[in-house]
Amino acid sequence: MKLSDWAKKNGLSYKTAYRLFKSGNLPCKVRQLATGTILVDETEPLPSKIAIYGRVSSAEQKDDLE
């Protein structure tokens, strides 16, 4: 599957998927053809962990995070 199709399927933009590919952090096996096409082997399931980060600009707003 092409990287752009994989990105759409997994709710990512192509730029984010390409950045993950370049940094070596894509959670799948990937190979790049001599033509430059990036193919993703989607036989491995994606990790199901999700992280959420939130912050406020002052201590007075700390309750807003709840």
Protein backbone atom coordinates (compact mmCIF):
# COMPACT_ATOMS: atom_id res chain seq x y z
CA MET A 1 0.00 0.00 0.00
CA LYS A 2 1.32 3.46 -0.83
CA LEU A 3 2.25 5.75 2.04
CA SER A 4 -0.42 8.30 1.09
CA ASP A 5 -3.16 5.65 1.15
CA TRP A 6 -1.88 4.30 4.47
CA ALA A 7 -1.92 7.80 5.96
CA LYS A 8 -5.53 8.40 4.90
CA LYS A 9 -6.61 5.01 6.24
CA ASN A 10 -5.06 5.74 9.64
CA GLY A 11 -6.25 9.34 9.96
CA LEU A 12 -2.89 11.00 9.38
CA SER A 13 -1.85 13.65 6.93
CA TYR A 14 0.66 12.62 4.28
CA LYS A 15 3.20 15.09 5.70
CA THR A 16 3.00 13.46 9.14
CA ALA A 17 3.34 9.96 7.67
CA TYR A 18 6.31 11.07 5.55
CA ARG A 19 7.96 12.70 8.58
CA LEU A 20 7.51 9.43 10.52
CA PHE A 21 9.01 7.51 7.60
CA LYS A 22 12.05 9.80 7.36
CA SER A 23 12.71 9.61 11.10
CA GLY A 24 12.31 5.82 11.13
CA ASN A 25 9.36 5.95 13.54
CA LEU A 26 6.63 4.54 11.30
CA PRO A 27 5.00 1.64 13.21
CA CYS A 28 5.01 -0.66 10.15
CA LYS A 29 7.54 -2.22 7.83
CA VAL A 30 8.28 0.20 5.00
CA ARG A 31 10.34 0.07 1.84
CA GLN A 32 11.14 2.68 -0.77
CA LEU A 33 11.32 1.72 -4.43
CA ALA A 34 13.97 3.05 -6.82
CA THR A 35 11.28 5.32 -8.27
CA GLY A 36 10.80 6.98 -4.86
CA THR A 37 7.45 5.35 -4.09
CA ILE A 38 7.12 4.42 -0.43
CA LEU A 39 5.28 1.16 0.25
CA VAL A 40 3.91 0.21 3.66
CA ASP A 41 3.45 -3.41 4.74
CA GLU A 42 0.23 -3.24 6.73
CA THR A 43 0.22 -6.85 7.93
CA GLU A 44 1.28 -5.70 11.41
CA PRO A 45 -1.45 -4.02 13.48
CA LEU A 46 -0.89 -0.46 14.68
CA PRO A 47 -0.29 0.10 18.37
CA SER A 48 -3.50 1.01 20.17
CA LYS A 49 -1.97 3.34 22.75
CA ILE A 50 -3.02 6.98 22.71
CA ALA A 51 -1.44 9.85 24.61
CA ILE A 52 -3.13 13.16 25.31
CA TYR A 53 -1.25 16.25 26.40
CA GLY A 54 -2.94 19.31 27.85
CA ARG A 55 -1.69 22.46 29.49
CA VAL A 56 -2.91 25.81 30.68
CA SER A 57 -1.13 29.14 30.78
CA SER A 58 -1.58 29.84 34.50
CA ALA A 59 -2.17 28.01 37.76
CA GLU A 60 -5.57 29.71 38.01
CA GLN A 61 -6.75 27.70 34.99
CA LYS A 62 -5.67 24.33 36.39
CA ASP A 63 -9.29 23.33 37.08
CA ASP A 64 -10.07 23.82 33.36
CA LEU A 65 -8.03 20.69 32.61
CA GLU A 66 -10.48 18.53 34.51
